[in-house]
Amino acid sequence: MQNYDDFKFGITLPIMGSLFDDIEHKILSPLSCLREFANHWMLEFDLPLVSKKDIQITFDGNAINVEAKLKEEYSEEKLGNVTKFEYFKKSILLPSKIDNKKINVKFEKGRLIIKIPKKKTGHIVKIT
């Protein structure tokens, strides 16, 4: 159960990054959102038709990359053209000062939830 007492901003923002599907490489861009709390960031992805074992999450500095192979090929028809997709893929540049070594990830019912702690910076100054 999420404790909303530490909720910092009341706005859920759509993630900027790859906003469009990559038809040539058969890759879908999943829906996602990023929310900021007092001591962590919560990143969510909708990944229907995906098994937990087929999800790969990597970090490169403050960028997170999520890739997932679909259980079965997904087809979409627009204006008489059929497009087939095999993967979800999205790269997102996260805010600075994250602690990517203490990440908590959960995948349930097609929803990937990544909790990323904020890195504590600075130091305590003793008052004399």
N, C-alpha and C. Protein backbone atom coordinates (compact mmCIF):
# COMPACT_ATOMS: atom_id res chain seq x y z
N MET A 1 0.85 -1.18 0.00
CA MET A 1 0.00 0.00 0.00
C MET A 1 0.88 1.24 0.00
N GLN A 2 0.66 2.13 -0.91
CA GLN A 2 1.46 3.35 -1.05
C GLN A 2 1.07 4.36 0.02
N ASN A 3 2.06 4.92 0.68
CA ASN A 3 1.84 5.97 1.66
C ASN A 3 1.92 7.30 0.93
N TYR A 4 0.82 8.00 0.84
CA TYR A 4 0.79 9.26 0.10
C TYR A 4 1.11 10.47 0.97
N ASP A 5 1.48 10.23 2.23
CA ASP A 5 1.86 11.34 3.10
C ASP A 5 3.11 12.04 2.59
N ASP A 6 3.98 11.29 1.90
CA ASP A 6 5.22 11.89 1.42
C ASP A 6 5.12 12.35 -0.03
N PHE A 7 3.90 12.45 -0.54
CA PHE A 7 3.68 12.88 -1.91
C PHE A 7 4.09 14.33 -2.07
N LYS A 8 4.96 14.61 -3.02
CA LYS A 8 5.49 15.95 -3.19
C LYS A 8 4.70 16.77 -4.20
N PHE A 9 4.43 16.21 -5.37
CA PHE A 9 3.68 16.92 -6.40
C PHE A 9 2.41 16.14 -6.71
N GLY A 10 1.31 16.84 -6.91
CA GLY A 10 0.04 16.19 -7.19
C GLY A 10 -0.23 16.00 -8.67
N ILE A 11 0.77 16.14 -9.51
CA ILE A 11 0.58 16.04 -10.95
C ILE A 11 1.32 14.83 -11.48
N THR A 12 0.65 14.03 -12.29
CA THR A 12 1.30 12.92 -12.97
C THR A 12 1.66 13.40 -14.36
N LEU A 13 2.93 13.30 -14.70
CA LEU A 13 3.39 13.79 -15.99
C LEU A 13 3.64 12.64 -16.96
N PRO A 14 3.24 12.80 -18.23
CA PRO A 14 3.62 11.79 -19.20
C PRO A 14 5.12 11.86 -19.44
N ILE A 15 5.71 10.74 -19.75
CA ILE A 15 7.15 10.67 -19.96
C ILE A 15 7.49 11.12 -21.37
N MET A 16 8.45 11.99 -21.46
CA MET A 16 8.96 12.38 -22.77
C MET A 16 10.07 11.40 -23.12
N GLY A 17 10.29 11.16 -24.31
CA GLY A 17 11.28 10.19 -24.76
C GLY A 17 10.83 9.74 -26.13
N SER A 18 10.85 8.45 -26.36
CA SER A 18 10.37 7.96 -27.64
C SER A 18 8.85 7.94 -27.58
N LEU A 19 8.21 8.95 -28.16
CA LEU A 19 6.76 9.06 -28.12
C LEU A 19 6.08 8.24 -29.20
N PHE A 20 6.83 7.82 -30.20
CA PHE A 20 6.24 7.14 -31.33
C PHE A 20 6.73 5.71 -31.44
N ASP A 21 5.86 4.85 -31.97
CA ASP A 21 6.23 3.47 -32.23
C ASP A 21 7.25 3.43 -33.37
N ASP A 22 8.11 2.43 -33.35
CA ASP A 22 9.12 2.24 -34.39
C ASP A 22 8.63 1.10 -35.29
N ILE A 23 7.92 1.47 -36.35
CA ILE A 23 7.30 0.48 -37.23
C ILE A 23 8.35 -0.36 -37.94
N GLU A 24 9.43 0.26 -38.38
CA GLU A 24 10.48 -0.45 -39.13
C GLU A 24 11.08 -1.59 -38.31
N HIS A 25 11.30 -1.38 -37.01
CA HIS A 25 11.92 -2.39 -36.16
C HIS A 25 10.91 -3.18 -35.33
N LYS A 26 9.62 -2.98 -35.61
CA LYS A 26 8.52 -3.71 -34.94
C LYS A 26 8.51 -3.47 -33.43
N ILE A 27 8.73 -2.20 -33.02
CA ILE A 27 8.81 -1.87 -31.60
C ILE A 27 7.71 -0.87 -31.21
N LEU A 28 6.98 -1.19 -30.14
CA LEU A 28 5.96 -0.31 -29.58
C LEU A 28 6.57 0.53 -28.46
N SER A 29 6.10 1.75 -28.31
CA SER A 29 6.51 2.60 -27.19
C SER A 29 5.41 2.50 -26.13
N PRO A 30 5.71 1.92 -24.95
CA PRO A 30 4.65 1.72 -23.94
C PRO A 30 4.22 3.02 -23.28
N LEU A 31 2.99 3.03 -22.80
CA LEU A 31 2.51 4.15 -21.99
C LEU A 31 3.28 4.15 -20.68
N SER A 32 3.60 5.34 -20.17
CA SER A 32 4.36 5.42 -18.94
C SER A 32 4.09 6.74 -18.24
N CYS A 33 4.41 6.79 -16.95
CA CYS A 33 4.32 8.04 -16.21
C CYS A 33 5.36 8.05 -15.11
N LEU A 34 5.75 9.24 -14.71
CA LEU A 34 6.75 9.44 -13.68
C LEU A 34 6.15 10.36 -12.62
N ARG A 35 6.22 9.92 -11.36
CA ARG A 35 5.72 10.73 -10.25
C ARG A 35 6.83 10.94 -9.24
N GLU A 36 6.88 12.13 -8.67
CA GLU A 36 7.89 12.45 -7.66
C GLU A 36 7.26 12.46 -6.27
N PHE A 37 7.95 11.79 -5.35
CA PHE A 37 7.58 11.81 -3.94
C PHE A 37 8.73 12.44 -3.18
N ALA A 38 8.57 12.66 -1.89
CA ALA A 38 9.59 13.35 -1.09
C ALA A 38 10.95 12.66 -1.15
N ASN A 39 10.96 11.31 -1.10
CA ASN A 39 12.25 10.62 -1.04
C ASN A 39 12.48 9.62 -2.19
N HIS A 40 11.59 9.58 -3.18
CA HIS A 40 11.78 8.68 -4.31
C HIS A 40 10.98 9.12 -5.54
N TRP A 41 11.31 8.51 -6.66
CA TRP A 41 10.57 8.67 -7.91
C TRP A 41 9.84 7.36 -8.17
N MET A 42 8.63 7.43 -8.71
CA MET A 42 7.87 6.24 -9.08
C MET A 42 7.64 6.30 -10.59
N LEU A 43 8.14 5.28 -11.28
CA LEU A 43 8.05 5.19 -12.73
C LEU A 43 7.20 3.97 -13.06
N GLU A 44 6.16 4.17 -13.88
CA GLU A 44 5.25 3.09 -14.22
C GLU A 44 5.15 2.92 -15.73
N PHE A 45 5.09 1.66 -16.17
CA PHE A 45 4.94 1.32 -17.58
C PHE A 45 3.78 0.34 -17.74
N ASP A 46 2.97 0.53 -18.76
CA ASP A 46 1.96 -0.46 -19.13
C ASP A 46 2.58 -1.40 -20.14
N LEU A 47 2.69 -2.68 -19.78
CA LEU A 47 3.30 -3.68 -20.65
C LEU A 47 2.37 -4.89 -20.79
N PRO A 48 1.23 -4.73 -21.48
CA PRO A 48 0.35 -5.88 -21.69
C PRO A 48 1.01 -6.87 -22.64
N LEU A 49 0.57 -8.11 -22.57
CA LEU A 49 1.09 -9.19 -23.44
C LEU A 49 2.57 -9.47 -23.21
N VAL A 50 3.06 -9.22 -21.98
CA VAL A 50 4.47 -9.43 -21.67
C VAL A 50 4.59 -10.32 -20.44
N SER A 51 5.58 -11.21 -20.44
CA SER A 51 5.91 -12.03 -19.26
C SER A 51 7.05 -11.36 -18.50
N LYS A 52 7.06 -11.54 -17.20
CA LYS A 52 8.09 -10.95 -16.34
C LYS A 52 9.49 -11.33 -16.81
N LYS A 53 9.68 -12.57 -17.23
CA LYS A 53 11.00 -13.06 -17.65
C LYS A 53 11.50 -12.40 -18.94
N ASP A 54 10.61 -11.75 -19.68
CA ASP A 54 10.98 -11.13 -20.95
C ASP A 54 11.22 -9.62 -20.85
N ILE A 55 11.33 -9.11 -19.62
CA ILE A 55 11.57 -7.68 -19.40
C ILE A 55 13.03 -7.47 -19.05
N GLN A 56 13.64 -6.47 -19.69
CA GLN A 56 15.03 -6.11 -19.38
C GLN A 56 15.08 -4.63 -19.03
N ILE A 57 15.66 -4.32 -17.87
CA ILE A 57 15.80 -2.94 -17.40
C ILE A 57 17.28 -2.65 -17.24
N THR A 58 17.75 -1.57 -17.86
CA THR A 58 19.15 -1.18 -17.72
C THR A 58 19.24 0.31 -17.40
N PHE A 59 20.31 0.69 -16.70
CA PHE A 59 20.59 2.08 -16.38
C PHE A 59 21.89 2.49 -17.03
N ASP A 60 21.92 3.71 -17.52
CA ASP A 60 23.12 4.31 -18.07
C ASP A 60 23.17 5.74 -17.54
N GLY A 61 23.87 5.95 -16.45
CA GLY A 61 23.86 7.26 -15.80
C GLY A 61 22.47 7.50 -15.23
N ASN A 62 21.80 8.56 -15.67
CA ASN A 62 20.44 8.86 -15.23
C ASN A 62 19.40 8.42 -16.24
N ALA A 63 19.79 7.67 -17.25
CA ALA A 63 18.83 7.16 -18.24
C ALA A 63 18.44 5.73 -17.87
N ILE A 64 17.16 5.44 -17.98
CA ILE A 64 16.67 4.08 -17.77
C ILE A 64 16.13 3.58 -19.10
N ASN A 65 16.44 2.33 -19.41
CA ASN A 65 15.98 1.70 -20.65
C ASN A 65 15.17 0.47 -20.28
N VAL A 66 13.96 0.39 -20.82
CA VAL A 66 13.09 -0.76 -20.57
C VAL A 66 12.76 -1.39 -21.91
N GLU A 67 13.03 -2.69 -22.01
CA GLU A 67 12.70 -3.47 -23.20
C GLU A 67 11.93 -4.70 -22.77
N ALA A 68 10.93 -5.09 -23.57
CA ALA A 68 10.14 -6.27 -23.25
C ALA A 68 9.65 -6.92 -24.54
N LYS A 69 9.85 -8.23 -24.62
CA LYS A 69 9.39 -8.99 -25.79
C LYS A 69 7.93 -9.40 -25.55
N LEU A 70 7.09 -9.20 -26.54
CA LEU A 70 5.69 -9.60 -26.44
C LEU A 70 5.57 -11.12 -26.48
N LYS A 71 4.59 -11.67 -25.79
CA LYS A 71 4.34 -13.11 -25.80
C LYS A 71 3.95 -13.58 -27.20
N GLU A 72 3.25 -12.72 -27.90
CA GLU A 72 2.81 -13.01 -29.26
C GLU A 72 2.84 -11.72 -30.07
N GLU A 73 2.96 -11.86 -31.35
CA GLU A 73 3.02 -10.69 -32.23
C GLU A 73 1.71 -9.92 -32.14
N TYR A 74 1.79 -8.59 -32.07
CA TYR A 74 0.62 -7.72 -32.00
C TYR A 74 0.49 -7.01 -33.33
N SER A 75 -0.71 -7.06 -33.92
CA SER A 75 -0.96 -6.42 -35.22
C SER A 75 -1.93 -5.26 -35.06
N GLU A 76 -1.70 -4.24 -35.88
CA GLU A 76 -2.53 -3.04 -35.85
C GLU A 76 -2.78 -2.61 -37.29
N GLU A 77 -4.03 -2.27 -37.61
CA GLU A 77 -4.35 -1.84 -38.97
C GLU A 77 -4.79 -0.39 -38.96
N LYS A 78 -4.15 0.41 -39.82
CA LYS A 78 -4.50 1.83 -39.99
C LYS A 78 -4.49 2.14 -41.47
N LEU A 79 -5.60 2.67 -41.95
CA LEU A 79 -5.74 3.07 -43.34
C LEU A 79 -5.36 1.95 -44.31
N GLY A 80 -5.76 0.74 -43.97
CA GLY A 80 -5.50 -0.39 -44.86
C GLY A 80 -4.12 -1.02 -44.74
N ASN A 81 -3.23 -0.42 -43.94
CA ASN A 81 -1.88 -0.98 -43.74
C ASN A 81 -1.83 -1.73 -42.41
N VAL A 82 -1.33 -2.96 -42.44
CA VAL A 82 -1.18 -3.77 -41.23
C VAL A 82 0.26 -3.66 -40.74
N THR A 83 0.40 -3.30 -39.46
CA THR A 83 1.73 -3.21 -38.84
C THR A 83 1.80 -4.25 -37.74
N LYS A 84 2.89 -5.01 -37.71
CA LYS A 84 3.09 -6.05 -36.69
C LYS A 84 4.21 -5.62 -35.75
N PHE A 85 3.98 -5.81 -34.45
CA PHE A 85 4.95 -5.43 -33.44
C PHE A 85 5.36 -6.65 -32.62
N GLU A 86 6.63 -6.68 -32.17
CA GLU A 86 7.16 -7.80 -31.39
C GLU A 86 7.72 -7.39 -30.03
N TYR A 87 8.01 -6.10 -29.83
CA TYR A 87 8.68 -5.62 -28.62
C TYR A 87 8.07 -4.31 -28.14
N PHE A 88 8.26 -4.05 -26.83
CA PHE A 88 8.08 -2.73 -26.25
C PHE A 88 9.49 -2.22 -25.96
N LYS A 89 9.70 -0.93 -26.14
CA LYS A 89 11.00 -0.35 -25.79
C LYS A 89 10.81 1.13 -25.50
N LYS A 90 11.46 1.59 -24.43
CA LYS A 90 11.41 3.01 -24.09
C LYS A 90 12.64 3.38 -23.28
N SER A 91 13.22 4.53 -23.59
CA SER A 91 14.35 5.10 -22.84
C SER A 91 13.89 6.41 -22.25
N ILE A 92 14.21 6.62 -20.98
CA ILE A 92 13.77 7.82 -20.29
C ILE A 92 14.94 8.42 -19.53
N LEU A 93 15.11 9.71 -19.65
CA LEU A 93 16.12 10.44 -18.89
C LEU A 93 15.49 10.84 -17.56
N LEU A 94 16.03 10.30 -16.48
CA LEU A 94 15.50 10.58 -15.15
C LEU A 94 16.14 11.84 -14.56
N PRO A 95 15.47 12.44 -13.59
CA PRO A 95 16.06 13.60 -12.91
C PRO A 95 17.38 13.20 -12.25
N SER A 96 18.22 14.18 -12.00
CA SER A 96 19.51 13.88 -11.36
C SER A 96 19.30 13.49 -9.91
N LYS A 97 20.37 13.06 -9.30
CA LYS A 97 20.39 12.69 -7.89
C LYS A 97 19.49 11.50 -7.58
N ILE A 98 19.61 10.43 -8.37
CA ILE A 98 18.90 9.20 -8.07
C ILE A 98 19.89 8.16 -7.56
N ASP A 99 19.39 7.22 -6.80
CA ASP A 99 20.22 6.13 -6.28
C ASP A 99 19.82 4.86 -7.02
N ASN A 100 20.46 4.60 -8.17
CA ASN A 100 20.05 3.46 -9.00
C ASN A 100 20.56 2.13 -8.47
N LYS A 101 21.20 2.12 -7.32
CA LYS A 101 21.66 0.86 -6.71
C LYS A 101 20.64 0.30 -5.72
N LYS A 102 19.62 1.09 -5.37
CA LYS A 102 18.62 0.65 -4.39
C LYS A 102 17.21 0.66 -4.99
N ILE A 103 17.09 0.27 -6.22
CA ILE A 103 15.82 0.30 -6.94
C ILE A 103 14.95 -0.89 -6.56
N ASN A 104 13.66 -0.66 -6.47
CA ASN A 104 12.68 -1.71 -6.19
C ASN A 104 11.77 -1.82 -7.41
N VAL A 105 11.67 -3.03 -7.99
CA VAL A 105 10.87 -3.23 -9.21
C VAL A 105 9.81 -4.29 -8.95
N LYS A 106 8.60 -4.01 -9.44
CA LYS A 106 7.50 -4.96 -9.30
C LYS A 106 6.77 -5.04 -10.64
N PHE A 107 6.38 -6.25 -11.05
CA PHE A 107 5.62 -6.45 -12.28
C PHE A 107 4.40 -7.29 -11.94
N GLU A 108 3.22 -6.71 -12.20
CA GLU A 108 1.99 -7.40 -11.86
C GLU A 108 0.88 -6.98 -12.81
N LYS A 109 0.21 -7.97 -13.42
CA LYS A 109 -0.93 -7.75 -14.30
C LYS A 109 -0.62 -6.74 -15.42
N GLY A 110 0.54 -6.88 -16.03
CA GLY A 110 0.89 -6.03 -17.16
C GLY A 110 1.40 -4.64 -16.80
N ARG A 111 1.63 -4.39 -15.53
CA ARG A 111 2.11 -3.08 -15.09
C ARG A 111 3.47 -3.23 -14.41
N LEU A 112 4.47 -2.52 -14.94
CA LEU A 112 5.81 -2.51 -14.37
C LEU A 112 5.94 -1.25 -13.52
N ILE A 113 6.28 -1.41 -12.24
CA ILE A 113 6.42 -0.27 -11.33
C ILE A 113 7.86 -0.27 -10.81
N ILE A 114 8.54 0.85 -11.02
CA ILE A 114 9.93 0.99 -10.61
C ILE A 114 10.01 2.14 -9.60
N LYS A 115 10.45 1.81 -8.38
CA LYS A 115 10.63 2.82 -7.33
C LYS A 115 12.12 3.12 -7.24
N ILE A 116 12.48 4.39 -7.49
CA ILE A 116 13.87 4.80 -7.54
C ILE A 116 14.13 5.82 -6.43
N PRO A 117 14.90 5.44 -5.41
CA PRO A 117 15.19 6.37 -4.31
C PRO A 117 16.00 7.58 -4.80
N LYS A 118 15.75 8.69 -4.15
CA LYS A 118 16.57 9.88 -4.42
C LYS A 118 17.86 9.75 -3.64
N LYS A 119 18.95 10.17 -4.25
CA LYS A 119 20.25 10.14 -3.58
C LYS A 119 20.32 11.31 -2.62
N LYS A 120 20.71 10.99 -1.39
CA LYS A 120 20.85 12.05 -0.39
C LYS A 120 22.20 12.71 -0.60
N THR A 121 22.18 14.01 -0.70
CA THR A 121 23.42 14.75 -0.90
C THR A 121 23.59 15.78 0.20
N GLY A 122 24.75 16.33 0.26
CA GLY A 122 25.02 17.34 1.27
C GLY A 122 25.57 16.71 2.54
N HIS A 123 25.74 17.52 3.52
CA HIS A 123 26.27 17.03 4.79
C HIS A 123 25.66 17.84 5.94
N ILE A 124 25.73 17.28 7.11
CA ILE A 124 25.20 17.93 8.30
C ILE A 124 26.23 18.91 8.83
N VAL A 125 25.77 20.09 9.18
CA VAL A 125 26.65 21.11 9.74
C VAL A 125 26.35 21.20 11.24
N LYS A 126 27.40 21.05 12.01
CA LYS A 126 27.25 21.10 13.47
C LYS A 126 27.19 22.56 13.93
N ILE A 127 26.23 22.84 14.79
CA ILE A 127 26.08 24.19 15.33
C ILE A 127 26.83 24.25 16.65
N THR A 128 27.69 25.26 16.77
CA THR A 128 28.48 25.36 18.00
C THR A 128 28.01 26.53 18.86
